[in-house]
Amino acid sequence: MARGVGMGGGGALVLFLVVMLLGGDPSALLNVIGQAPSAAVTDAAFVRVVLGYSEDTWAEIFAQGGATYRPPQLILYSGVTRSACGVGSAASGPFYCPAD
């Protein structure tokens, strides 16, 4: 189950900077933040927003080089999940398995 991430001034600033560096529109985050209870953004919403901006950026970079970007598959889980790299535990946080 996703946990809430408190968005204090510092956290919000970092989030906006990440989105800006990825070429996104940080004002789009205001809707996500404004809808969350107590000005908190869930982990899932945060990951989807940041991943979405990075996918757009990489797709553009690949296209400029004449290639096609294949976006990653986002899998959110709680507890444990099986992957080609073994069992992943939510307690260890996010991980990347190239074999998946």
PDB file of N, CA and C in Angstrom:
ATOM      1  N   MET A   1       0.846  -1.175   0.000  1.00  0.00           N
ATOM      2  CA  MET A   1       0.000   0.000   0.000  1.00  0.00           C
ATOM      3  C   MET A   1       0.890   1.236   0.000  1.00  0.00           C
ATOM      4  N   ALA A   2       0.528   2.237  -0.778  1.00  0.00           N
ATOM      5  CA  ALA A   2       1.348   3.440  -0.890  1.00  0.00           C
ATOM      6  C   ALA A   2       1.240   4.268   0.383  1.00  0.00           C
ATOM      7  N   ARG A   3       2.359   4.857   0.763  1.00  0.00           N
ATOM      8  CA  ARG A   3       2.389   5.751   1.921  1.00  0.00           C
ATOM      9  C   ARG A   3       2.370   7.173   1.424  1.00  0.00           C
ATOM     10  N   GLY A   4       1.907   8.086   2.260  1.00  0.00           N
ATOM     11  CA  GLY A   4       1.931   9.503   1.896  1.00  0.00           C
ATOM     12  C   GLY A   4       3.318  10.066   2.113  1.00  0.00           C
ATOM     13  N   VAL A   5       3.721  10.965   1.269  1.00  0.00           N
ATOM     14  CA  VAL A   5       4.995  11.652   1.415  1.00  0.00           C
ATOM     15  C   VAL A   5       4.682  13.100   1.732  1.00  0.00           C
ATOM     16  N   GLY A   6       5.103  13.569   2.887  1.00  0.00           N
ATOM     17  CA  GLY A   6       4.846  14.957   3.247  1.00  0.00           C
ATOM     18  C   GLY A   6       5.569  15.882   2.297  1.00  0.00           C
ATOM     19  N   MET A   7       4.881  16.912   1.858  1.00  0.00           N
ATOM     20  CA  MET A   7       5.488  17.850   0.924  1.00  0.00           C
ATOM     21  C   MET A   7       5.692  19.180   1.621  1.00  0.00           C
ATOM     22  N   GLY A   8       6.694  19.232   2.501  1.00  0.00           N
ATOM     23  CA  GLY A   8       7.058  20.496   3.107  1.00  0.00           C
ATOM     24  C   GLY A   8       7.671  21.394   2.052  1.00  0.00           C
ATOM     25  N   GLY A   9       8.088  22.561   2.447  1.00  0.00           N
ATOM     26  CA  GLY A   9       8.658  23.499   1.498  1.00  0.00           C
ATOM     27  C   GLY A   9       9.856  22.935   0.748  1.00  0.00           C
ATOM     28  N   GLY A  10      10.743  22.248   1.470  1.00  0.00           N
ATOM     29  CA  GLY A  10      11.932  21.681   0.827  1.00  0.00           C
ATOM     30  C   GLY A  10      11.596  20.574  -0.144  1.00  0.00           C
ATOM     31  N   GLY A  11      10.670  19.698   0.245  1.00  0.00           N
ATOM     32  CA  GLY A  11      10.274  18.593  -0.632  1.00  0.00           C
ATOM     33  C   GLY A  11       9.603  19.084  -1.891  1.00  0.00           C
ATOM     34  N   ALA A  12       8.733  20.068  -1.742  1.00  0.00           N
ATOM     35  CA  ALA A  12       8.051  20.630  -2.906  1.00  0.00           C
ATOM     36  C   ALA A  12       9.045  21.310  -3.840  1.00  0.00           C
ATOM     37  N   LEU A  13      10.014  22.017  -3.274  1.00  0.00           N
ATOM     38  CA  LEU A  13      11.023  22.686  -4.085  1.00  0.00           C
ATOM     39  C   LEU A  13      11.834  21.674  -4.892  1.00  0.00           C
ATOM     40  N   VAL A  14      12.244  20.585  -4.256  1.00  0.00           N
ATOM     41  CA  VAL A  14      13.008  19.547  -4.950  1.00  0.00           C
ATOM     42  C   VAL A  14      12.179  18.946  -6.075  1.00  0.00           C
ATOM     43  N   LEU A  15      10.909  18.654  -5.794  1.00  0.00           N
ATOM     44  CA  LEU A  15      10.032  18.080  -6.814  1.00  0.00           C
ATOM     45  C   LEU A  15       9.900  19.015  -8.006  1.00  0.00           C
ATOM     46  N   PHE A  16       9.679  20.300  -7.749  1.00  0.00           N
ATOM     47  CA  PHE A  16       9.551  21.261  -8.836  1.00  0.00           C
ATOM     48  C   PHE A  16      10.843  21.366  -9.642  1.00  0.00           C
ATOM     49  N   LEU A  17      11.992  21.344  -8.961  1.00  0.00           N
ATOM     50  CA  LEU A  17      13.280  21.420  -9.667  1.00  0.00           C
ATOM     51  C   LEU A  17      13.496  20.197 -10.554  1.00  0.00           C
ATOM     52  N   VAL A  18      13.146  19.015 -10.054  1.00  0.00           N
ATOM     53  CA  VAL A  18      13.298  17.785 -10.852  1.00  0.00           C
ATOM     54  C   VAL A  18      12.448  17.880 -12.113  1.00  0.00           C
ATOM     55  N   VAL A  19      11.211  18.301 -11.960  1.00  0.00           N
ATOM     56  CA  VAL A  19      10.317  18.411 -13.114  1.00  0.00           C
ATOM     57  C   VAL A  19      10.854  19.438 -14.105  1.00  0.00           C
ATOM     58  N   MET A  20      11.326  20.577 -13.612  1.00  0.00           N
ATOM     59  CA  MET A  20      11.872  21.604 -14.506  1.00  0.00           C
ATOM     60  C   MET A  20      13.104  21.092 -15.238  1.00  0.00           C
ATOM     61  N   LEU A  21      14.004  20.380 -14.531  1.00  0.00           N
ATOM     62  CA  LEU A  21      15.219  19.866 -15.167  1.00  0.00           C
ATOM     63  C   LEU A  21      14.899  18.833 -16.241  1.00  0.00           C
ATOM     64  N   LEU A  22      13.790  18.137 -16.081  1.00  0.00           N
ATOM     65  CA  LEU A  22      13.381  17.155 -17.077  1.00  0.00           C
ATOM     66  C   LEU A  22      12.574  17.779 -18.205  1.00  0.00           C
ATOM     67  N   GLY A  23      12.449  19.102 -18.183  1.00  0.00           N
ATOM     68  CA  GLY A  23      11.766  19.804 -19.255  1.00  0.00           C
ATOM     69  C   GLY A  23      10.259  19.845 -19.104  1.00  0.00           C
ATOM     70  N   GLY A  24       9.750  19.501 -17.928  1.00  0.00           N
ATOM     71  CA  GLY A  24       8.312  19.491 -17.707  1.00  0.00           C
ATOM     72  C   GLY A  24       7.784  20.822 -17.229  1.00  0.00           C
ATOM     73  N   ASP A  25       6.488  20.882 -17.066  1.00  0.00           N
ATOM     74  CA  ASP A  25       5.807  22.066 -16.579  1.00  0.00           C
ATOM     75  C   ASP A  25       5.467  21.852 -15.113  1.00  0.00           C
ATOM     76  N   PRO A  26       6.196  22.478 -14.197  1.00  0.00           N
ATOM     77  CA  PRO A  26       5.942  22.247 -12.775  1.00  0.00           C
ATOM     78  C   PRO A  26       4.554  22.668 -12.324  1.00  0.00           C
ATOM     79  N   SER A  27       3.872  23.525 -13.072  1.00  0.00           N
ATOM     80  CA  SER A  27       2.525  23.924 -12.663  1.00  0.00           C
ATOM     81  C   SER A  27       1.560  22.743 -12.737  1.00  0.00           C
ATOM     82  N   ALA A  28       1.868  21.721 -13.538  1.00  0.00           N
ATOM     83  CA  ALA A  28       1.019  20.531 -13.614  1.00  0.00           C
ATOM     84  C   ALA A  28       0.994  19.789 -12.281  1.00  0.00           C
ATOM     85  N   LEU A  29       2.043  19.960 -11.491  1.00  0.00           N
ATOM     86  CA  LEU A  29       2.100  19.292 -10.188  1.00  0.00           C
ATOM     87  C   LEU A  29       1.158  19.925  -9.181  1.00  0.00           C
ATOM     88  N   LEU A  30       0.782  21.177  -9.407  1.00  0.00           N
ATOM     89  CA  LEU A  30      -0.100  21.849  -8.454  1.00  0.00           C
ATOM     90  C   LEU A  30      -1.430  21.117  -8.322  1.00  0.00           C
ATOM     91  N   ASN A  31      -1.926  20.564  -9.431  1.00  0.00           N
ATOM     92  CA  ASN A  31      -3.177  19.806  -9.363  1.00  0.00           C
ATOM     93  C   ASN A  31      -3.015  18.570  -8.503  1.00  0.00           C
ATOM     94  N   VAL A  32      -1.893  17.863  -8.663  1.00  0.00           N
ATOM     95  CA  VAL A  32      -1.656  16.644  -7.889  1.00  0.00           C
ATOM     96  C   VAL A  32      -1.512  16.993  -6.415  1.00  0.00           C
ATOM     97  N   ILE A  33      -0.731  18.012  -6.117  1.00  0.00           N
ATOM     98  CA  ILE A  33      -0.491  18.407  -4.727  1.00  0.00           C
ATOM     99  C   ILE A  33      -1.774  18.965  -4.113  1.00  0.00           C
ATOM    100  N   GLY A  34      -2.499  19.774  -4.874  1.00  0.00           N
ATOM    101  CA  GLY A  34      -3.708  20.391  -4.355  1.00  0.00           C
ATOM    102  C   GLY A  34      -4.809  19.397  -4.046  1.00  0.00           C
ATOM    103  N   GLN A  35      -4.851  18.259  -4.732  1.00  0.00           N
ATOM    104  CA  GLN A  35      -5.895  17.263  -4.514  1.00  0.00           C
ATOM    105  C   GLN A  35      -5.561  16.320  -3.376  1.00  0.00           C
ATOM    106  N   ALA A  36      -4.322  16.267  -2.972  1.00  0.00           N
ATOM    107  CA  ALA A  36      -3.910  15.319  -1.940  1.00  0.00           C
ATOM    108  C   ALA A  36      -4.286  15.862  -0.570  1.00  0.00           C
ATOM    109  N   PRO A  37      -4.725  14.980   0.331  1.00  0.00           N
ATOM    110  CA  PRO A  37      -5.068  15.445   1.668  1.00  0.00           C
ATOM    111  C   PRO A  37      -3.844  15.965   2.411  1.00  0.00           C
ATOM    112  N   SER A  38      -4.006  17.033   3.158  1.00  0.00           N
ATOM    113  CA  SER A  38      -2.952  17.624   3.984  1.00  0.00           C
ATOM    114  C   SER A  38      -1.709  17.963   3.172  1.00  0.00           C
ATOM    115  N   ALA A  39      -1.878  18.366   1.933  1.00  0.00           N
ATOM    116  CA  ALA A  39      -0.769  18.745   1.054  1.00  0.00           C
ATOM    117  C   ALA A  39       0.266  17.650   0.941  1.00  0.00           C
ATOM    118  N   ALA A  40      -0.158  16.408   0.939  1.00  0.00           N
ATOM    119  CA  ALA A  40       0.752  15.275   0.784  1.00  0.00           C
ATOM    120  C   ALA A  40       0.505  14.616  -0.570  1.00  0.00           C
ATOM    121  N   VAL A  41       1.558  14.104  -1.167  1.00  0.00           N
ATOM    122  CA  VAL A  41       1.459  13.401  -2.440  1.00  0.00           C
ATOM    123  C   VAL A  41       1.805  11.945  -2.182  1.00  0.00           C
ATOM    124  N   THR A  42       1.018  11.034  -2.702  1.00  0.00           N
ATOM    125  CA  THR A  42       1.336   9.622  -2.491  1.00  0.00           C
ATOM    126  C   THR A  42       2.578   9.259  -3.277  1.00  0.00           C
ATOM    127  N   ASP A  43       3.247   8.209  -2.841  1.00  0.00           N
ATOM    128  CA  ASP A  43       4.422   7.721  -3.549  1.00  0.00           C
ATOM    129  C   ASP A  43       4.086   7.423  -5.004  1.00  0.00           C
ATOM    130  N   ALA A  44       2.946   6.775  -5.230  1.00  0.00           N
ATOM    131  CA  ALA A  44       2.562   6.377  -6.587  1.00  0.00           C
ATOM    132  C   ALA A  44       2.368   7.595  -7.484  1.00  0.00           C
ATOM    133  N   ALA A  45       1.694   8.619  -6.991  1.00  0.00           N
ATOM    134  CA  ALA A  45       1.475   9.821  -7.797  1.00  0.00           C
ATOM    135  C   ALA A  45       2.796  10.500  -8.118  1.00  0.00           C
ATOM    136  N   PHE A  46       3.677  10.583  -7.133  1.00  0.00           N
ATOM    137  CA  PHE A  46       4.987  11.197  -7.338  1.00  0.00           C
ATOM    138  C   PHE A  46       5.777  10.442  -8.404  1.00  0.00           C
ATOM    139  N   VAL A  47       5.825   9.118  -8.273  1.00  0.00           N
ATOM    140  CA  VAL A  47       6.586   8.291  -9.219  1.00  0.00           C
ATOM    141  C   VAL A  47       6.013   8.431 -10.627  1.00  0.00           C
ATOM    142  N   ARG A  48       4.691   8.408 -10.746  1.00  0.00           N
ATOM    143  CA  ARG A  48       4.071   8.516 -12.074  1.00  0.00           C
ATOM    144  C   ARG A  48       4.373   9.859 -12.732  1.00  0.00           C
ATOM    145  N   VAL A  49       4.337  10.935 -11.960  1.00  0.00           N
ATOM    146  CA  VAL A  49       4.613  12.261 -12.528  1.00  0.00           C
ATOM    147  C   VAL A  49       6.063  12.358 -12.985  1.00  0.00           C
ATOM    148  N   VAL A  50       6.989  11.980 -12.120  1.00  0.00           N
ATOM    149  CA  VAL A  50       8.408  12.072 -12.474  1.00  0.00           C
ATOM    150  C   VAL A  50       8.745  11.120 -13.621  1.00  0.00           C
ATOM    151  N   LEU A  51       8.246   9.887 -13.564  1.00  0.00           N
ATOM    152  CA  LEU A  51       8.512   8.934 -14.646  1.00  0.00           C
ATOM    153  C   LEU A  51       7.921   9.426 -15.955  1.00  0.00           C
ATOM    154  N   GLY A  52       6.734  10.005 -15.901  1.00  0.00           N
ATOM    155  CA  GLY A  52       6.114  10.527 -17.117  1.00  0.00           C
ATOM    156  C   GLY A  52       6.960  11.598 -17.780  1.00  0.00           C
ATOM    157  N   TYR A  53       7.478  12.519 -16.980  1.00  0.00           N
ATOM    158  CA  TYR A  53       8.341  13.560 -17.537  1.00  0.00           C
ATOM    159  C   TYR A  53       9.641  12.981 -18.086  1.00  0.00           C
ATOM    160  N   SER A  54      10.230  12.033 -17.376  1.00  0.00           N
ATOM    161  CA  SER A  54      11.490  11.458 -17.873  1.00  0.00           C
ATOM    162  C   SER A  54      11.249  10.648 -19.146  1.00  0.00           C
ATOM    163  N   GLU A  55      10.120   9.950 -19.251  1.00  0.00           N
ATOM    164  CA  GLU A  55       9.813   9.206 -20.479  1.00  0.00           C
ATOM    165  C   GLU A  55       9.656  10.160 -21.662  1.00  0.00           C
ATOM    166  N   ASP A  56       8.966  11.281 -21.451  1.00  0.00           N
ATOM    167  CA  ASP A  56       8.815  12.275 -22.518  1.00  0.00           C
ATOM    168  C   ASP A  56      10.171  12.801 -22.961  1.00  0.00           C
ATOM    169  N   THR A  57      11.039  13.085 -21.989  1.00  0.00           N
ATOM    170  CA  THR A  57      12.366  13.615 -22.289  1.00  0.00           C
ATOM    171  C   THR A  57      13.195  12.603 -23.068  1.00  0.00           C
ATOM    172  N   TRP A  58      13.237  11.353 -22.593  1.00  0.00           N
ATOM    173  CA  TRP A  58      14.026  10.332 -23.292  1.00  0.00           C
ATOM    174  C   TRP A  58      13.466  10.020 -24.677  1.00  0.00           C
ATOM    175  N   ALA A  59      12.148  10.033 -24.827  1.00  0.00           N
ATOM    176  CA  ALA A  59      11.558   9.790 -26.147  1.00  0.00           C
ATOM    177  C   ALA A  59      12.012  10.860 -27.142  1.00  0.00           C
ATOM    178  N   GLU A  60      12.057  12.104 -26.674  1.00  0.00           N
ATOM    179  CA  GLU A  60      12.508  13.196 -27.532  1.00  0.00           C
ATOM    180  C   GLU A  60      13.993  13.056 -27.881  1.00  0.00           C
ATOM    181  N   ILE A  61      14.812  12.723 -26.898  1.00  0.00           N
ATOM    182  CA  ILE A  61      16.253  12.556 -27.136  1.00  0.00           C
ATOM    183  C   ILE A  61      16.499  11.414 -28.125  1.00  0.00           C
ATOM    184  N   PHE A  62      15.822  10.285 -27.939  1.00  0.00           N
ATOM    185  CA  PHE A  62      15.984   9.151 -28.857  1.00  0.00           C
ATOM    186  C   PHE A  62      15.533   9.536 -30.265  1.00  0.00           C
ATOM    187  N   ALA A  63      14.396  10.239 -30.369  1.00  0.00           N
ATOM    188  CA  ALA A  63      13.876  10.635 -31.680  1.00  0.00           C
ATOM    189  C   ALA A  63      14.858  11.542 -32.407  1.00  0.00           C
ATOM    190  N   GLN A  64      15.525  12.432 -31.684  1.00  0.00           N
ATOM    191  CA  GLN A  64      16.507  13.315 -32.303  1.00  0.00           C
ATOM    192  C   GLN A  64      17.675  12.524 -32.869  1.00  0.00           C
ATOM    193  N   GLY A  65      17.959  11.367 -32.275  1.00  0.00           N
ATOM    194  CA  GLY A  65      19.026  10.501 -32.768  1.00  0.00           C
ATOM    195  C   GLY A  65      18.539   9.454 -33.752  1.00  0.00           C
ATOM    196  N   GLY A  66      17.257   9.520 -34.122  1.00  0.00           N
ATOM    197  CA  GLY A  66      16.713   8.580 -35.099  1.00  0.00           C
ATOM    198  C   GLY A  66      16.364   7.223 -34.514  1.00  0.00           C
ATOM    199  N   ALA A  67      16.227   7.137 -33.209  1.00  0.00           N
ATOM    200  CA  ALA A  67      15.908   5.859 -32.562  1.00  0.00           C
ATOM    201  C   ALA A  67      14.537   5.958 -31.887  1.00  0.00           C
ATOM    202  N   THR A  68      14.039   4.813 -31.476  1.00  0.00           N
ATOM    203  CA  THR A  68      12.763   4.762 -30.767  1.00  0.00           C
ATOM    204  C   THR A  68      13.021   4.381 -29.318  1.00  0.00           C
ATOM    205  N   TYR A  69      12.472   5.163 -28.413  1.00  0.00           N
ATOM    206  CA  TYR A  69      12.608   4.897 -26.986  1.00  0.00           C
ATOM    207  C   TYR A  69      11.524   3.933 -26.542  1.00  0.00           C
ATOM    208  N   ARG A  70      11.920   2.879 -25.870  1.00  0.00           N
ATOM    209  CA  ARG A  70      10.958   1.929 -25.311  1.00  0.00           C
ATOM    210  C   ARG A  70      10.796   2.229 -23.829  1.00  0.00           C
ATOM    211  N   PRO A  71       9.634   2.780 -23.434  1.00  0.00           N
ATOM    212  CA  PRO A  71       9.456   3.174 -22.042  1.00  0.00           C
ATOM    213  C   PRO A  71       9.487   1.965 -21.102  1.00  0.00           C
ATOM    214  N   PRO A  72       9.963   2.190 -19.879  1.00  0.00           N
ATOM    215  CA  PRO A  72       9.997   1.110 -18.900  1.00  0.00           C
ATOM    216  C   PRO A  72       8.593   0.789 -18.400  1.00  0.00           C
ATOM    217  N   GLN A  73       8.451  -0.384 -17.821  1.00  0.00           N
ATOM    218  CA  GLN A  73       7.179  -0.767 -17.214  1.00  0.00           C
ATOM    219  C   GLN A  73       7.265  -0.466 -15.726  1.00  0.00           C
ATOM    220  N   LEU A  74       6.337   0.325 -15.230  1.00  0.00           N
ATOM    221  CA  LEU A  74       6.304   0.679 -13.815  1.00  0.00           C
ATOM    222  C   LEU A  74       5.430  -0.316 -13.079  1.00  0.00           C
ATOM    223  N   ILE A  75       5.991  -0.944 -12.066  1.00  0.00           N
ATOM    224  CA  ILE A  75       5.241  -1.882 -11.231  1.00  0.00           C
ATOM    225  C   ILE A  75       5.353  -1.393  -9.798  1.00  0.00           C
ATOM    226  N   LEU A  76       4.215  -1.042  -9.218  1.00  0.00           N
ATOM    227  CA  LEU A  76       4.179  -0.613  -7.823  1.00  0.00           C
ATOM    228  C   LEU A  76       3.644  -1.771  -6.994  1.00  0.00           C
ATOM    229  N   TYR A  77       4.263  -2.039  -5.875  1.00  0.00           N
ATOM    230  CA  TYR A  77       3.852  -3.167  -5.046  1.00  0.00           C
ATOM    231  C   TYR A  77       4.088  -2.860  -3.584  1.00  0.00           C
ATOM    232  N   SER A  78       3.447  -3.635  -2.750  1.00  0.00           N
ATOM    233  CA  SER A  78       3.718  -3.591  -1.312  1.00  0.00           C
ATOM    234  C   SER A  78       4.024  -5.021  -0.902  1.00  0.00           C
ATOM    235  N   GLY A  79       4.761  -5.187   0.148  1.00  0.00           N
ATOM    236  CA  GLY A  79       5.157  -6.547   0.545  1.00  0.00           C
ATOM    237  C   GLY A  79       6.337  -6.992  -0.285  1.00  0.00           C
ATOM    238  N   VAL A  80       6.150  -8.062  -1.054  1.00  0.00           N
ATOM    239  CA  VAL A  80       7.221  -8.584  -1.896  1.00  0.00           C
ATOM    240  C   VAL A  80       6.698  -8.822  -3.303  1.00  0.00           C
ATOM    241  N   THR A  81       7.610  -8.876  -4.256  1.00  0.00           N
ATOM    242  CA  THR A  81       7.270  -9.194  -5.638  1.00  0.00           C
ATOM    243  C   THR A  81       8.387 -10.031  -6.229  1.00  0.00           C
ATOM    244  N   ARG A  82       8.043 -10.869  -7.142  1.00  0.00           N
ATOM    245  CA  ARG A  82       9.046 -11.687  -7.836  1.00  0.00           C
ATOM    246  C   ARG A  82       9.469 -10.963  -9.105  1.00  0.00           C
ATOM    247  N   SER A  83      10.744 -11.021  -9.391  1.00  0.00           N
ATOM    248  CA  SER A  83      11.271 -10.447 -10.621  1.00  0.00           C
ATOM    249  C   SER A  83      12.318 -11.407 -11.174  1.00  0.00           C
ATOM    250  N   ALA A  84      12.811 -11.102 -12.355  1.00  0.00           N
ATOM    251  CA  ALA A  84      13.850 -11.932 -12.950  1.00  0.00           C
ATOM    252  C   ALA A  84      15.154 -11.854 -12.155  1.00  0.00           C
ATOM    253  N   CYS A  85      15.251 -10.868 -11.267  1.00  0.00           N
ATOM    254  CA  CYS A  85      16.446 -10.709 -10.428  1.00  0.00           C
ATOM    255  C   CYS A  85      16.258 -11.321  -9.040  1.00  0.00           C
ATOM    256  N   GLY A  86      15.138 -11.997  -8.818  1.00  0.00           N
ATOM    257  CA  GLY A  86      14.855 -12.591  -7.519  1.00  0.00           C
ATOM    258  C   GLY A  86      13.661 -11.915  -6.880  1.00  0.00           C
ATOM    259  N   VAL A  87      13.549 -12.086  -5.575  1.00  0.00           N
ATOM    260  CA  VAL A  87      12.427 -11.506  -4.843  1.00  0.00           C
ATOM    261  C   VAL A  87      12.795 -10.104  -4.395  1.00  0.00           C
ATOM    262  N   GLY A  88      11.907  -9.156  -4.686  1.00  0.00           N
ATOM    263  CA  GLY A  88      12.111  -7.784  -4.253  1.00  0.00           C
ATOM    264  C   GLY A  88      11.198  -7.477  -3.092  1.00  0.00           C
ATOM    265  N   SER A  89      11.721  -6.814  -2.081  1.00  0.00           N
ATOM    266  CA  SER A  89      10.940  -6.456  -0.906  1.00  0.00           C
ATOM    267  C   SER A  89      10.655  -4.961  -0.919  1.00  0.00           C
ATOM    268  N   ALA A  90       9.423  -4.602  -0.603  1.00  0.00           N
ATOM    269  CA  ALA A  90       9.069  -3.189  -0.522  1.00  0.00           C
ATOM    270  C   ALA A  90       9.885  -2.487   0.552  1.00  0.00           C
ATOM    271  N   ALA A  91      10.349  -3.232   1.541  1.00  0.00           N
ATOM    272  CA  ALA A  91      11.153  -2.644   2.613  1.00  0.00           C
ATOM    273  C   ALA A  91      12.483  -2.106   2.093  1.00  0.00           C
ATOM    274  N   SER A  92      12.975  -2.662   0.994  1.00  0.00           N
ATOM    275  CA  SER A  92      14.253  -2.201   0.437  1.00  0.00           C
ATOM    276  C   SER A  92      14.072  -1.011  -0.493  1.00  0.00           C
ATOM    277  N   GLY A  93      12.832  -0.670  -0.805  1.00  0.00           N
ATOM    278  CA  GLY A  93      12.582   0.460  -1.672  1.00  0.00           C
ATOM    279  C   GLY A  93      12.581   0.072  -3.136  1.00  0.00           C
ATOM    280  N   PRO A  94      12.565   1.047  -4.020  1.00  0.00           N
ATOM    281  CA  PRO A  94      12.500   0.758  -5.455  1.00  0.00           C
ATOM    282  C   PRO A  94      13.782   0.085  -5.945  1.00  0.00           C
ATOM    283  N   PHE A  95      13.630  -0.732  -6.960  1.00  0.00           N
ATOM    284  CA  PHE A  95      14.809  -1.353  -7.565  1.00  0.00           C
ATOM    285  C   PHE A  95      14.573  -1.520  -9.059  1.00  0.00           C
ATOM    286  N   TYR A  96      15.667  -1.650  -9.783  1.00  0.00           N
ATOM    287  CA  TYR A  96      15.629  -1.843 -11.216  1.00  0.00           C
ATOM    288  C   TYR A  96      16.204  -3.199 -11.542  1.00  0.00           C
ATOM    289  N   CYS A  97      15.487  -4.002 -12.311  1.00  0.00           N
ATOM    290  CA  CYS A  97      15.968  -5.311 -12.736  1.00  0.00           C
ATOM    291  C   CYS A  97      16.060  -5.303 -14.251  1.00  0.00           C
ATOM    292  N   PRO A  98      17.276  -5.263 -14.810  1.00  0.00           N
ATOM    293  CA  PRO A  98      17.424  -5.198 -16.273  1.00  0.00           C
ATOM    294  C   PRO A  98      16.825  -6.414 -16.987  1.00  0.00           C
ATOM    295  N   ALA A  99      16.735  -7.550 -16.306  1.00  0.00           N
ATOM    296  CA  ALA A  99      16.199  -8.757 -16.939  1.00  0.00           C
ATOM    297  C   ALA A  99      14.680  -8.719 -17.080  1.00  0.00           C
ATOM    298  N   ASP A 100      14.024  -7.826 -16.349  1.00  0.00           N
ATOM    299  CA  ASP A 100      12.563  -7.694 -16.485  1.00  0.00           C
ATOM    300  C   ASP A 100      12.297  -6.934 -17.728  1.00  0.00           C
TER     301      ASP A 100
END
